[in-house]
Amino acid sequence: MAKCSNCGKAVVFGRAVSHSKRATNRPFHPNLQRVTVMQNGKPVKTTWCAKCIKSLGKVR
């Protein structure tokens, strides 16, 4: 499964609870995007979550 290369965020499982209170497993998927990041002066394509991409813009 894909996960964020920066923070390690990945799929987390929880419970979907119906009106009758029957609980079934459901996944919570993070918002993962493919981005090009400069590492050691070279562009590298990595998978980052939207929160890390947002904080990347604030570092400048």
PDB file of N, CA and C in Angstrom:
ATOM      1  N   MET A   1       0.844  -1.177   0.000  1.00  0.00           N
ATOM      2  CA  MET A   1       0.000   0.000   0.000  1.00  0.00           C
ATOM      3  C   MET A   1       0.890   1.242   0.000  1.00  0.00           C
ATOM      4  N   ALA A   2       0.356   2.317  -0.560  1.00  0.00           N
ATOM      5  CA  ALA A   2       1.109   3.565  -0.627  1.00  0.00           C
ATOM      6  C   ALA A   2       1.059   4.279   0.721  1.00  0.00           C
ATOM      7  N   LYS A   3       2.149   4.989   1.009  1.00  0.00           N
ATOM      8  CA  LYS A   3       2.178   5.813   2.204  1.00  0.00           C
ATOM      9  C   LYS A   3       3.048   7.030   1.929  1.00  0.00           C
ATOM     10  N   CYS A   4       2.904   8.037   2.759  1.00  0.00           N
ATOM     11  CA  CYS A   4       3.629   9.289   2.599  1.00  0.00           C
ATOM     12  C   CYS A   4       5.117   9.044   2.862  1.00  0.00           C
ATOM     13  N   SER A   5       5.956   9.511   1.931  1.00  0.00           N
ATOM     14  CA  SER A   5       7.397   9.347   2.087  1.00  0.00           C
ATOM     15  C   SER A   5       7.964  10.263   3.155  1.00  0.00           C
ATOM     16  N   ASN A   6       7.249  11.341   3.470  1.00  0.00           N
ATOM     17  CA  ASN A   6       7.739  12.322   4.427  1.00  0.00           C
ATOM     18  C   ASN A   6       7.359  11.954   5.869  1.00  0.00           C
ATOM     19  N   CYS A   7       6.078  11.705   6.121  1.00  0.00           N
ATOM     20  CA  CYS A   7       5.620  11.465   7.495  1.00  0.00           C
ATOM     21  C   CYS A   7       5.197  10.017   7.761  1.00  0.00           C
ATOM     22  N   GLY A   8       5.050   9.201   6.715  1.00  0.00           N
ATOM     23  CA  GLY A   8       4.684   7.795   6.903  1.00  0.00           C
ATOM     24  C   GLY A   8       3.200   7.540   7.061  1.00  0.00           C
ATOM     25  N   LYS A   9       2.381   8.551   6.784  1.00  0.00           N
ATOM     26  CA  LYS A   9       0.928   8.379   6.911  1.00  0.00           C
ATOM     27  C   LYS A   9       0.437   7.353   5.890  1.00  0.00           C
ATOM     28  N   ALA A  10      -0.392   6.401   6.329  1.00  0.00           N
ATOM     29  CA  ALA A  10      -0.912   5.349   5.462  1.00  0.00           C
ATOM     30  C   ALA A  10      -2.375   5.085   5.810  1.00  0.00           C
ATOM     31  N   VAL A  11      -2.946   4.050   5.214  1.00  0.00           N
ATOM     32  CA  VAL A  11      -4.344   3.698   5.449  1.00  0.00           C
ATOM     33  C   VAL A  11      -4.531   3.270   6.899  1.00  0.00           C
ATOM     34  N   VAL A  12      -5.601   3.761   7.534  1.00  0.00           N
ATOM     35  CA  VAL A  12      -5.960   3.395   8.898  1.00  0.00           C
ATOM     36  C   VAL A  12      -7.354   2.783   8.836  1.00  0.00           C
ATOM     37  N   PHE A  13      -7.603   1.736   9.617  1.00  0.00           N
ATOM     38  CA  PHE A  13      -8.899   1.082   9.603  1.00  0.00           C
ATOM     39  C   PHE A  13      -9.703   1.453  10.842  1.00  0.00           C
ATOM     40  N   GLY A  14     -10.998   1.655  10.624  1.00  0.00           N
ATOM     41  CA  GLY A  14     -11.901   1.982  11.712  1.00  0.00           C
ATOM     42  C   GLY A  14     -13.184   1.188  11.545  1.00  0.00           C
ATOM     43  N   ARG A  15     -14.253   1.670  12.141  1.00  0.00           N
ATOM     44  CA  ARG A  15     -15.537   0.972  12.082  1.00  0.00           C
ATOM     45  C   ARG A  15     -16.604   1.862  11.467  1.00  0.00           C
ATOM     46  N   ALA A  16     -17.377   1.306  10.546  1.00  0.00           N
ATOM     47  CA  ALA A  16     -18.579   1.947  10.036  1.00  0.00           C
ATOM     48  C   ALA A  16     -19.740   1.374  10.844  1.00  0.00           C
ATOM     49  N   VAL A  17     -20.488   2.226  11.513  1.00  0.00           N
ATOM     50  CA  VAL A  17     -21.569   1.774  12.386  1.00  0.00           C
ATOM     51  C   VAL A  17     -22.897   2.143  11.749  1.00  0.00           C
ATOM     52  N   SER A  18     -23.723   1.130  11.491  1.00  0.00           N
ATOM     53  CA  SER A  18     -25.021   1.356  10.860  1.00  0.00           C
ATOM     54  C   SER A  18     -26.057   1.793  11.900  1.00  0.00           C
ATOM     55  N   HIS A  19     -27.262   2.069  11.434  1.00  0.00           N
ATOM     56  CA  HIS A  19     -28.335   2.492  12.324  1.00  0.00           C
ATOM     57  C   HIS A  19     -28.660   1.414  13.360  1.00  0.00           C
ATOM     58  N   SER A  20     -28.488   0.133  12.978  1.00  0.00           N
ATOM     59  CA  SER A  20     -28.747  -0.970  13.910  1.00  0.00           C
ATOM     60  C   SER A  20     -27.543  -1.261  14.799  1.00  0.00           C
ATOM     61  N   LYS A  21     -26.533  -0.393  14.748  1.00  0.00           N
ATOM     62  CA  LYS A  21     -25.305  -0.496  15.551  1.00  0.00           C
ATOM     63  C   LYS A  21     -24.425  -1.682  15.170  1.00  0.00           C
ATOM     64  N   ARG A  22     -24.611  -2.217  13.962  1.00  0.00           N
ATOM     65  CA  ARG A  22     -23.743  -3.289  13.472  1.00  0.00           C
ATOM     66  C   ARG A  22     -22.478  -2.641  12.925  1.00  0.00           C
ATOM     67  N   ALA A  23     -21.318  -3.015  13.452  1.00  0.00           N
ATOM     68  CA  ALA A  23     -20.044  -2.405  13.073  1.00  0.00           C
ATOM     69  C   ALA A  23     -19.324  -3.261  12.034  1.00  0.00           C
ATOM     70  N   THR A  24     -18.880  -2.624  10.956  1.00  0.00           N
ATOM     71  CA  THR A  24     -18.071  -3.281   9.936  1.00  0.00           C
ATOM     72  C   THR A  24     -16.805  -2.463   9.721  1.00  0.00           C
ATOM     73  N   ASN A  25     -15.751  -3.146   9.306  1.00  0.00           N
ATOM     74  CA  ASN A  25     -14.485  -2.454   9.085  1.00  0.00           C
ATOM     75  C   ASN A  25     -14.564  -1.566   7.849  1.00  0.00           C
ATOM     76  N   ARG A  26     -13.909  -0.400   7.921  1.00  0.00           N
ATOM     77  CA  ARG A  26     -13.807   0.485   6.776  1.00  0.00           C
ATOM     78  C   ARG A  26     -12.456   1.170   6.807  1.00  0.00           C
ATOM     79  N   PRO A  27     -11.888   1.453   5.634  1.00  0.00           N
ATOM     80  CA  PRO A  27     -10.587   2.117   5.593  1.00  0.00           C
ATOM     81  C   PRO A  27     -10.722   3.633   5.554  1.00  0.00           C
ATOM     82  N   PHE A  28      -9.771   4.308   6.161  1.00  0.00           N
ATOM     83  CA  PHE A  28      -9.639   5.752   6.054  1.00  0.00           C
ATOM     84  C   PHE A  28      -8.373   5.995   5.225  1.00  0.00           C
ATOM     85  N   HIS A  29      -8.531   6.463   3.999  1.00  0.00           N
ATOM     86  CA  HIS A  29      -7.414   6.672   3.095  1.00  0.00           C
ATOM     87  C   HIS A  29      -6.886   8.097   3.210  1.00  0.00           C
ATOM     88  N   PRO A  30      -5.565   8.276   3.322  1.00  0.00           N
ATOM     89  CA  PRO A  30      -5.001   9.621   3.314  1.00  0.00           C
ATOM     90  C   PRO A  30      -4.997  10.180   1.890  1.00  0.00           C
ATOM     91  N   ASN A  31      -4.939  11.503   1.777  1.00  0.00           N
ATOM     92  CA  ASN A  31      -4.915  12.175   0.484  1.00  0.00           C
ATOM     93  C   ASN A  31      -3.472  12.191  -0.025  1.00  0.00           C
ATOM     94  N   LEU A  32      -3.083  11.143  -0.746  1.00  0.00           N
ATOM     95  CA  LEU A  32      -1.713  11.000  -1.234  1.00  0.00           C
ATOM     96  C   LEU A  32      -1.598  11.517  -2.659  1.00  0.00           C
ATOM     97  N   GLN A  33      -0.514  12.236  -2.932  1.00  0.00           N
ATOM     98  CA  GLN A  33      -0.252  12.819  -4.246  1.00  0.00           C
ATOM     99  C   GLN A  33       1.183  12.508  -4.648  1.00  0.00           C
ATOM    100  N   ARG A  34       1.425  12.375  -5.961  1.00  0.00           N
ATOM    101  CA  ARG A  34       2.786  12.232  -6.484  1.00  0.00           C
ATOM    102  C   ARG A  34       3.338  13.627  -6.731  1.00  0.00           C
ATOM    103  N   VAL A  35       4.451  13.968  -6.102  1.00  0.00           N
ATOM    104  CA  VAL A  35       5.057  15.283  -6.253  1.00  0.00           C
ATOM    105  C   VAL A  35       6.544  15.127  -6.589  1.00  0.00           C
ATOM    106  N   THR A  36       7.083  16.142  -7.237  1.00  0.00           N
ATOM    107  CA  THR A  36       8.504  16.182  -7.534  1.00  0.00           C
ATOM    108  C   THR A  36       9.179  17.080  -6.513  1.00  0.00           C
ATOM    109  N   VAL A  37      10.116  16.520  -5.762  1.00  0.00           N
ATOM    110  CA  VAL A  37      10.804  17.235  -4.690  1.00  0.00           C
ATOM    111  C   VAL A  37      12.300  17.221  -5.000  1.00  0.00           C
ATOM    112  N   MET A  38      12.972  18.320  -4.693  1.00  0.00           N
ATOM    113  CA  MET A  38      14.411  18.393  -4.895  1.00  0.00           C
ATOM    114  C   MET A  38      15.137  17.735  -3.720  1.00  0.00           C
ATOM    115  N   GLN A  39      15.930  16.688  -3.999  1.00  0.00           N
ATOM    116  CA  GLN A  39      16.737  16.025  -2.983  1.00  0.00           C
ATOM    117  C   GLN A  39      18.181  15.970  -3.485  1.00  0.00           C
ATOM    118  N   ASN A  40      19.088  16.564  -2.746  1.00  0.00           N
ATOM    119  CA  ASN A  40      20.503  16.646  -3.106  1.00  0.00           C
ATOM    120  C   ASN A  40      20.695  17.302  -4.478  1.00  0.00           C
ATOM    121  N   GLY A  41      19.860  18.299  -4.768  1.00  0.00           N
ATOM    122  CA  GLY A  41      19.974  19.034  -6.019  1.00  0.00           C
ATOM    123  C   GLY A  41      19.374  18.349  -7.232  1.00  0.00           C
ATOM    124  N   LYS A  42      18.707  17.196  -7.025  1.00  0.00           N
ATOM    125  CA  LYS A  42      18.095  16.477  -8.138  1.00  0.00           C
ATOM    126  C   LYS A  42      16.601  16.334  -7.905  1.00  0.00           C
ATOM    127  N   PRO A  43      15.778  16.475  -8.951  1.00  0.00           N
ATOM    128  CA  PRO A  43      14.339  16.271  -8.784  1.00  0.00           C
ATOM    129  C   PRO A  43      14.017  14.780  -8.639  1.00  0.00           C
ATOM    130  N   VAL A  44      13.230  14.461  -7.614  1.00  0.00           N
ATOM    131  CA  VAL A  44      12.845  13.076  -7.332  1.00  0.00           C
ATOM    132  C   VAL A  44      11.330  13.034  -7.166  1.00  0.00           C
ATOM    133  N   LYS A  45      10.670  12.078  -7.863  1.00  0.00           N
ATOM    134  CA  LYS A  45       9.226  11.909  -7.711  1.00  0.00           C
ATOM    135  C   LYS A  45       8.952  11.022  -6.499  1.00  0.00           C
ATOM    136  N   THR A  46       8.183  11.551  -5.549  1.00  0.00           N
ATOM    137  CA  THR A  46       7.824  10.800  -4.353  1.00  0.00           C
ATOM    138  C   THR A  46       6.343  10.967  -4.075  1.00  0.00           C
ATOM    139  N   THR A  47       5.822  10.146  -3.173  1.00  0.00           N
ATOM    140  CA  THR A  47       4.427  10.208  -2.768  1.00  0.00           C
ATOM    141  C   THR A  47       4.332  10.922  -1.430  1.00  0.00           C
ATOM    142  N   TRP A  48       3.606  12.040  -1.388  1.00  0.00           N
ATOM    143  CA  TRP A  48       3.427  12.825  -0.167  1.00  0.00           C
ATOM    144  C   TRP A  48       1.946  13.015   0.091  1.00  0.00           C
ATOM    145  N   CYS A  49       1.580  13.166   1.364  1.00  0.00           N
ATOM    146  CA  CYS A  49       0.197  13.478   1.706  1.00  0.00           C
ATOM    147  C   CYS A  49      -0.033  14.984   1.523  1.00  0.00           C
ATOM    148  N   ALA A  50      -1.280  15.378   1.422  1.00  0.00           N
ATOM    149  CA  ALA A  50      -1.621  16.776   1.158  1.00  0.00           C
ATOM    150  C   ALA A  50      -1.156  17.690   2.291  1.00  0.00           C
ATOM    151  N   LYS A  51      -1.159  17.193   3.521  1.00  0.00           N
ATOM    152  CA  LYS A  51      -0.724  18.008   4.654  1.00  0.00           C
ATOM    153  C   LYS A  51       0.765  18.329   4.552  1.00  0.00           C
ATOM    154  N   CYS A  52       1.582  17.359   4.132  1.00  0.00           N
ATOM    155  CA  CYS A  52       3.021  17.604   3.982  1.00  0.00           C
ATOM    156  C   CYS A  52       3.289  18.536   2.797  1.00  0.00           C
ATOM    157  N   ILE A  53       2.520  18.411   1.723  1.00  0.00           N
ATOM    158  CA  ILE A  53       2.671  19.303   0.580  1.00  0.00           C
ATOM    159  C   ILE A  53       2.334  20.732   0.990  1.00  0.00           C
ATOM    160  N   LYS A  54       1.305  20.884   1.797  1.00  0.00           N
ATOM    161  CA  LYS A  54       0.898  22.206   2.268  1.00  0.00           C
ATOM    162  C   LYS A  54       1.997  22.826   3.150  1.00  0.00           C
ATOM    163  N   SER A  55       2.599  22.027   4.015  1.00  0.00           N
ATOM    164  CA  SER A  55       3.654  22.546   4.883  1.00  0.00           C
ATOM    165  C   SER A  55       4.927  22.798   4.086  1.00  0.00           C
ATOM    166  N   LEU A  56       5.138  22.087   2.984  1.00  0.00           N
ATOM    167  CA  LEU A  56       6.296  22.320   2.132  1.00  0.00           C
ATOM    168  C   LEU A  56       6.250  23.730   1.543  1.00  0.00           C
ATOM    169  N   GLY A  57       5.079  24.205   1.182  1.00  0.00           N
ATOM    170  CA  GLY A  57       4.930  25.543   0.636  1.00  0.00           C
ATOM    171  C   GLY A  57       5.150  26.616   1.673  1.00  0.00           C
ATOM    172  N   LYS A  58       4.944  26.321   2.954  1.00  0.00           N
ATOM    173  CA  LYS A  58       5.083  27.309   4.013  1.00  0.00           C
ATOM    174  C   LYS A  58       6.528  27.484   4.459  1.00  0.00           C
ATOM    175  N   VAL A  59       7.415  26.555   4.112  1.00  0.00           N
ATOM    176  CA  VAL A  59       8.804  26.614   4.549  1.00  0.00           C
ATOM    177  C   VAL A  59       9.547  27.736   3.861  1.00  0.00           C
ATOM    178  N   ARG A  60       9.173  28.078   2.645  1.00  0.00           N
ATOM    179  CA  ARG A  60       9.877  29.095   1.850  1.00  0.00           C
ATOM    180  C   ARG A  60       9.967  30.385   2.527  1.00  0.00           C
TER     181      ARG A  60
END
